[in-house]
Protein backbone atom coordinates (compact mmCIF):
# COMPACT_ATOMS: atom_id res chain seq x y z
CA MET A 1 0.03 -0.03 -0.03
CA ARG A 2 1.22 3.55 -0.74
CA PHE A 3 -0.13 6.26 1.54
CA GLY A 4 2.66 8.73 0.82
CA ASP A 5 2.13 11.79 2.93
CA GLU A 6 -1.28 10.74 4.03
CA ARG A 7 -2.11 12.22 7.24
CA GLU A 8 -2.31 10.34 10.65
CA SER A 9 -5.71 10.25 12.33
CA SER A 10 -5.84 12.03 15.68
CA ASN A 11 -8.68 9.86 16.81
CA PHE A 12 -6.85 7.44 19.02
CA SER A 13 -5.62 6.67 22.42
CA ASP A 14 -2.52 4.90 23.47
CA ASP A 15 -3.14 2.67 26.49
CA THR A 16 -0.30 0.42 26.10
CA GLY A 17 1.46 1.78 29.05
CA ARG A 18 -1.13 0.76 31.55
CA GLY A 19 0.45 -2.59 32.04
CA GLY A 20 -2.64 -4.72 31.60
CA GLY A 21 -4.78 -3.16 34.24
CA LEU A 22 -8.26 -4.39 34.43
CA GLY A 23 -9.93 -1.62 36.53
CA GLY A 24 -13.61 -1.02 36.34
CA PHE A 25 -15.98 -1.64 33.45
CA GLY A 26 -16.90 1.11 31.12
CA GLY A 27 -20.38 2.43 32.21
CA GLY A 28 -20.42 0.53 35.40
CA GLY A 29 -23.24 -1.91 35.94
CA ASN A 30 -23.50 -5.64 35.28
CA MET A 31 -20.18 -7.20 34.06
CA LEU A 32 -21.93 -9.69 31.73
CA GLY A 33 -24.15 -6.92 30.27
CA CYS A 34 -21.12 -4.79 29.48
CA LEU A 35 -19.12 -7.77 28.02
CA LEU A 36 -21.76 -9.00 25.61
CA PRO A 37 -21.73 -6.23 23.11
CA MET A 38 -18.09 -6.71 21.96
CA ILE A 39 -17.90 -10.54 21.95
CA ALA A 40 -19.06 -10.88 18.32
CA SER A 41 -17.42 -7.85 17.04
CA ARG A 42 -13.95 -9.51 16.97
CA PHE A 43 -12.10 -9.64 13.76
CA GLY A 44 -12.38 -13.34 13.57
CA ILE A 45 -9.75 -15.30 15.69
CA GLY A 46 -10.96 -18.43 17.25
CA GLY A 47 -12.24 -16.75 20.41
CA VAL A 48 -12.16 -19.99 22.63
CA VAL A 49 -11.85 -17.83 25.75
CA ILE A 50 -15.17 -15.86 24.75
CA LEU A 51 -17.04 -18.91 23.88
CA VAL A 52 -17.23 -20.16 27.40
CA ILE A 53 -19.75 -17.47 28.08
CA GLY A 54 -23.14 -19.11 28.18
CA TYR A 55 -25.00 -16.07 26.70
CA PHE A 56 -23.29 -16.22 23.41
CA LEU A 57 -26.59 -15.59 21.47
CA LEU A 58 -26.75 -12.04 22.65
CA SER A 59 -23.01 -11.33 21.98
CA SER A 60 -22.76 -9.11 19.12
CA LEU A 61 -24.74 -6.15 19.28
CA GLY A 62 -26.17 -5.16 22.76
CA GLY A 63 -26.07 -1.72 24.21
CA LEU A 64 -26.50 0.37 21.05
CA GLY A 65 -28.46 3.22 22.30
CA GLY A 66 -25.72 5.43 23.77
CA GLY A 67 -24.43 6.69 20.41
CA VAL A 68 -20.83 7.43 19.54
CA GLN A 69 -18.66 9.15 21.99
CA GLN A 70 -16.46 12.11 20.97
CA PRO A 71 -12.97 10.91 20.06
CA ALA A 72 -10.23 10.98 22.65
CA SER A 73 -7.34 12.67 20.61
CA GLN A 74 -3.71 11.29 21.19
CA GLN A 75 -4.02 10.37 24.74
CA VAL A 76 -1.36 8.34 26.40
CA ALA A 77 -1.85 6.46 29.56
CA ALA A 78 -0.77 8.29 32.56
CA SER A 79 0.86 5.37 34.20
CA GLY A 80 3.58 3.44 32.47
CA GLN A 81 5.18 4.15 29.25
CA SER A 82 3.84 3.46 25.79
CA ASN A 83 5.27 0.23 24.13
CA LEU A 84 3.53 1.00 20.93
CA ASP A 85 5.96 0.43 17.89
CA PRO A 86 6.15 3.85 16.11
CA GLY A 87 6.16 2.35 12.62
CA ILE A 88 3.01 0.21 13.33
CA LYS A 89 1.32 3.26 14.99
CA HIS A 90 2.07 5.41 11.93
CA PHE A 91 0.75 2.87 9.54
CA THR A 92 -2.30 2.27 11.61
CA LEU A 93 -3.28 5.78 11.94
CA GLN A 94 -2.71 6.47 8.29
CA VAL A 95 -5.20 3.66 7.55
CA LEU A 96 -7.62 5.08 10.23
CA ALA A 97 -7.36 8.53 8.58
CA SER A 98 -8.00 7.17 5.14
CA THR A 99 -11.12 5.41 6.40
CA GLU A 100 -12.22 8.68 7.80
CA ASP A 101 -11.75 10.55 4.50
CA THR A 102 -13.24 7.76 2.40
CA TRP A 103 -16.36 7.12 4.43
CA THR A 104 -17.11 10.67 5.09
CA LYS A 105 -17.43 11.18 1.14
CA LEU A 106 -19.19 7.80 0.64
CA LEU A 107 -21.79 8.26 3.45
CA ALA A 108 -22.39 11.88 2.38
CA GLN A 109 -23.68 10.63 -0.97
CA ARG A 110 -26.32 8.92 1.15
CA GLY A 111 -27.13 11.79 3.38
CA ILE A 112 -25.39 10.38 6.40
CA ARG A 113 -22.87 12.37 8.47
CA TYR A 114 -19.76 10.30 9.19
CA THR A 115 -18.66 10.62 12.80
CA PRO A 116 -15.06 9.08 13.32
CA THR A 117 -14.54 6.26 15.71
CA THR A 118 -11.63 6.26 18.18
CA LEU A 119 -9.22 3.50 18.05
CA HIS A 120 -7.59 2.49 21.32
CA PHE A 121 -4.23 0.83 21.28
CA TYR A 122 -3.56 -1.46 24.24
CA SER A 123 -1.33 -4.42 25.26
CA GLU A 124 -2.52 -7.53 26.95
CA SER A 125 -5.75 -6.05 28.45
CA ASP A 126 -7.76 -2.80 28.65
CA ASN A 127 -11.13 -1.34 29.73
CA SER A 128 -13.73 -0.71 27.10
CA GLY A 129 -17.36 0.46 27.13
CA CYS A 130 -18.22 -3.21 26.71
CA GLY A 131 -16.08 -4.48 29.40
CA ILE A 132 -12.65 -6.02 29.54
CA ALA A 133 -10.57 -5.98 26.36
CA GLN A 134 -8.20 -8.83 26.17
CA SER A 135 -5.61 -9.78 23.49
CA ALA A 136 -7.13 -13.24 23.14
CA MET A 137 -10.41 -11.63 21.74
CA GLY A 138 -8.67 -10.12 18.82
CA PRO A 139 -9.42 -6.61 17.68
CA PHE A 140 -13.11 -5.61 18.12
CA TYR A 141 -15.55 -2.79 17.83
CA CYS A 142 -17.64 -1.92 20.84
CA PRO A 143 -20.91 -0.37 19.83
CA THR A 144 -21.67 0.95 23.29
CA ASP A 145 -18.88 3.53 23.18
CA GLY A 146 -18.45 3.52 19.28
CA ASN A 147 -14.71 2.65 19.57
CA ILE A 148 -12.26 0.13 18.23
CA TYR A 149 -9.90 -1.74 20.51
CA LEU A 150 -6.66 -3.08 19.03
CA ASP A 151 -3.59 -4.95 20.57
CA THR A 152 -1.26 -4.63 17.67
CA GLU A 153 0.33 -8.00 18.46
CA PHE A 154 -2.60 -9.48 16.59
CA PHE A 155 -0.74 -8.26 13.33
CA ASN A 156 2.15 -10.62 14.38
CA GLU A 157 -0.29 -13.31 15.01
CA LEU A 158 -1.95 -12.94 11.64
CA ALA A 159 1.44 -13.21 9.92
CA ARG A 160 2.84 -16.00 11.90
CA LYS A 161 -0.10 -18.25 13.08
CA PHE A 162 -2.44 -17.54 10.17
CA GLN A 163 0.31 -17.21 7.52
CA ALA A 164 -1.25 -14.06 6.32
CA PRO A 165 1.33 -11.24 6.31
CA GLY A 166 1.36 -7.92 4.54
CA ASP A 167 0.29 -4.27 5.01
CA PHE A 168 -3.16 -4.72 3.35
CA ALA A 169 -3.81 -7.74 5.60
CA ASP A 170 -3.24 -5.45 8.59
CA ALA A 171 -5.26 -2.78 6.99
CA TYR A 172 -8.13 -5.12 6.36
CA VAL A 173 -8.29 -5.62 10.15
CA ILE A 174 -8.74 -1.97 10.92
CA ALA A 175 -11.05 -1.49 7.92
CA HIS A 176 -13.18 -4.31 9.05
CA GLU A 177 -13.76 -2.81 12.47
CA VAL A 178 -14.42 0.60 10.98
CA GLY A 179 -16.96 -1.34 8.85
CA HIS A 180 -18.76 -2.05 12.02
CA HIS A 181 -18.64 1.64 13.07
CA VAL A 182 -20.33 2.35 9.74
CA GLN A 183 -22.99 -0.24 10.30
CA ASP A 184 -23.56 1.45 13.63
CA LEU A 185 -23.99 4.88 12.01
CA MET A 186 -26.36 3.39 9.40
CA GLY A 187 -28.40 1.65 12.01
CA THR A 188 -27.62 -1.84 10.90
CA LEU A 189 -26.31 -2.95 14.21
CA GLY A 190 -29.36 -1.75 16.02
CA GLN A 191 -31.55 -3.82 13.57
CA ALA A 192 -29.50 -6.81 14.00
CA HIS A 193 -29.55 -6.55 17.79
CA SER A 194 -33.45 -6.38 17.58
CA ALA A 195 -33.45 -9.38 15.49
CA GLN A 196 -31.21 -11.39 17.68
CA ALA A 197 -33.13 -10.52 20.83
CA ARG A 198 -36.07 -12.55 19.12
CA ALA A 199 -33.90 -15.43 17.84
CA ASN A 200 -32.69 -18.64 19.17
CA SER A 201 -28.89 -19.43 19.44
CA THR A 202 -28.57 -20.81 15.81
CA GLU A 203 -30.53 -17.93 14.32
CA GLY A 204 -28.63 -15.38 16.34
CA ASN A 205 -25.26 -16.77 15.02
CA HIS A 206 -26.73 -16.65 11.55
CA ILE A 207 -27.74 -12.94 11.95
CA GLN A 208 -24.12 -12.26 13.37
CA VAL A 209 -22.49 -13.94 10.23
CA GLY A 210 -24.25 -11.52 8.05
CA VAL A 211 -23.24 -8.51 10.07
CA GLU A 212 -19.60 -9.72 9.93
CA LEU A 213 -19.56 -10.35 6.27
CA GLN A 214 -20.86 -7.05 5.61
CA ALA A 215 -18.10 -5.42 7.65
CA ASP A 216 -15.74 -7.55 5.36
CA CYS A 217 -17.45 -6.10 2.31
CA TYR A 218 -17.16 -2.54 3.69
CA ALA A 219 -13.46 -3.10 4.17
CA GLY A 220 -13.22 -3.97 0.44
CA VAL A 221 -15.25 -0.71 -0.47
CA TRP A 222 -12.79 1.39 1.44
CA ALA A 223 -9.80 -0.24 -0.17
CA ALA A 224 -11.41 0.29 -3.59
CA ASN A 225 -11.98 4.07 -2.99
CA ALA A 226 -8.79 4.95 -0.76
CA ARG A 227 -6.61 7.60 -2.34
CA ASN A 228 -3.38 9.13 -1.23
CA PRO A 229 -2.92 12.97 -1.10
CA GLU A 230 -1.80 12.86 -4.73
CA GLY A 231 -5.09 11.29 -5.76
CA GLN A 232 -3.79 8.00 -6.55
CA PRO A 233 -5.00 4.57 -5.31
CA VAL A 234 -3.31 3.41 -2.16
CA MET A 235 -3.74 -0.16 -3.28
CA GLN A 236 -0.64 -1.58 -5.14
CA PRO A 237 -0.33 -4.85 -7.12
CA GLY A 238 -0.41 -7.77 -4.75
CA ASP A 239 -2.03 -5.93 -1.98
CA PHE A 240 -5.60 -7.30 -2.57
CA GLU A 241 -4.16 -10.89 -2.52
CA GLU A 242 -2.74 -10.26 0.92
CA GLY A 243 -6.38 -9.45 2.24
CA ILE A 244 -7.73 -12.52 0.49
CA ARG A 245 -5.19 -14.74 2.24
CA ALA A 246 -6.13 -13.18 5.67
CA ALA A 247 -9.81 -13.69 4.94
CA GLN A 248 -9.40 -17.33 3.88
CA ALA A 249 -7.35 -17.89 7.10
CA ILE A 250 -9.84 -16.73 9.46
CA GLY A 251 -13.00 -18.21 8.12
CA ASP A 252 -14.96 -20.12 10.82
CA ASP A 253 -14.75 -23.47 8.98
CA THR A 254 -11.04 -23.17 8.53
CA LEU A 255 -10.43 -22.05 12.13
CA GLN A 256 -12.71 -24.90 13.49
CA ARG A 257 -11.18 -27.57 11.29
CA GLU A 258 -7.66 -26.49 12.48
CA THR A 259 -8.61 -26.14 16.24
CA GLN A 260 -11.03 -28.99 16.84
CA GLY A 261 -10.90 -31.03 13.84
CA THR A 262 -14.66 -30.72 13.35
CA VAL A 263 -16.75 -28.00 11.52
CA VAL A 264 -20.03 -27.09 13.13
CA PRO A 265 -21.91 -24.73 10.78
CA ASP A 266 -24.62 -23.77 13.31
CA SER A 267 -21.93 -22.17 15.57
CA PHE A 268 -20.42 -19.98 12.81
CA THR A 269 -20.23 -16.26 13.83
CA HIS A 270 -18.17 -14.74 11.15
CA GLY A 271 -18.75 -16.88 8.02
CA THR A 272 -16.69 -19.56 6.02
CA SER A 273 -13.45 -18.72 4.35
CA ALA A 274 -15.38 -18.73 1.02
CA GLN A 275 -17.90 -16.29 2.32
CA ARG A 276 -15.32 -13.88 3.80
CA MET A 277 -13.20 -13.98 0.67
CA ASN A 278 -16.26 -13.33 -1.43
CA ALA A 279 -17.39 -10.45 0.91
CA LEU A 280 -14.07 -8.58 0.66
CA ARG A 281 -13.82 -9.30 -3.00
CA THR A 282 -17.40 -8.03 -3.70
CA GLY A 283 -16.70 -4.68 -1.81
CA PHE A 284 -13.37 -4.26 -3.60
CA GLN A 285 -14.64 -5.02 -7.10
CA SER A 286 -17.68 -2.85 -6.73
CA GLY A 287 -16.33 0.02 -4.68
CA ASP A 288 -19.96 0.59 -3.79
CA SER A 289 -21.31 -0.01 -0.24
CA ALA A 290 -24.87 -0.78 -1.78
CA ALA A 291 -23.30 -3.94 -3.18
CA CYS A 292 -22.82 -5.17 0.34
CA ASP A 293 -26.23 -6.87 0.76
CA ILE A 294 -26.20 -9.09 3.66
CA GLN A 295 -28.45 -11.80 2.21
CA LYS A 296 -26.30 -12.13 -0.90
CA LEU A 297 -22.94 -12.27 1.21
CA GLU A 298 -24.26 -14.88 3.48
CA SER A 299 -25.29 -17.21 0.68
CA PRO A 300 -23.54 -20.70 1.49
CA THR A 301 -22.16 -20.86 -2.03
CA ALA A 302 -20.71 -17.36 -1.98
CA GLY A 303 -17.05 -17.17 -3.41
């Protein structure tokens, strides 16, 4: 990817110096109630730690009524010193800035004002509006506070464990979570939450798969429309293939086959490898968020 002199977003906080403190829960109240909204917003790693929670049905989209908080600009944790790699920080914030510029233009065409999300860098664990953020959960979007939480160690895991290295693979992670924020602004998350509240476990998982595939598609839409300050596409030859490898590596069927030797479709929460690749490809080839129709993306034969 070639961002050139693309600006860095100022909508972030650096919590990596907190040393893994687990403090209180954002918003107080019931721990489980706070934790549920973020569970299904993970980018797509196995999530074994999370699956032990018995209320997985309600996981993806609870607590949507509070709207998006104002971004916290360039805040560094008061205790401890940041351990955030400067190069990773620069690249991540350039990607975030690009998503801001791109979605501001795309949503304006639909009469929707884009309000930026805030990205929280952390290491090992942190607090979020949805409860405890832990590295084992992978990157996630919390609809309660409208923020993204990222331990950048996930980029290394994506490269080493999932054999999906590359700058666009990393950018895909960020753009997917921003995709959830776009869904939040468009009301999609609220609609899905209402549908899940009426659904059984299998149906709830199915609803969540559609939401996750649409976020993949939105990541592709961003990539297709992203431009550097010179007006040139930021995507370079080979970049898209990096994203496709990442999408393939984190499909539910692939992860289940590798971790437990058995594939259980009713438990899928993010979609198969074929579905995730197809969703990313659909967004990138069309460059149009209108192409990211959930029912089409969740087709079992997609891809």
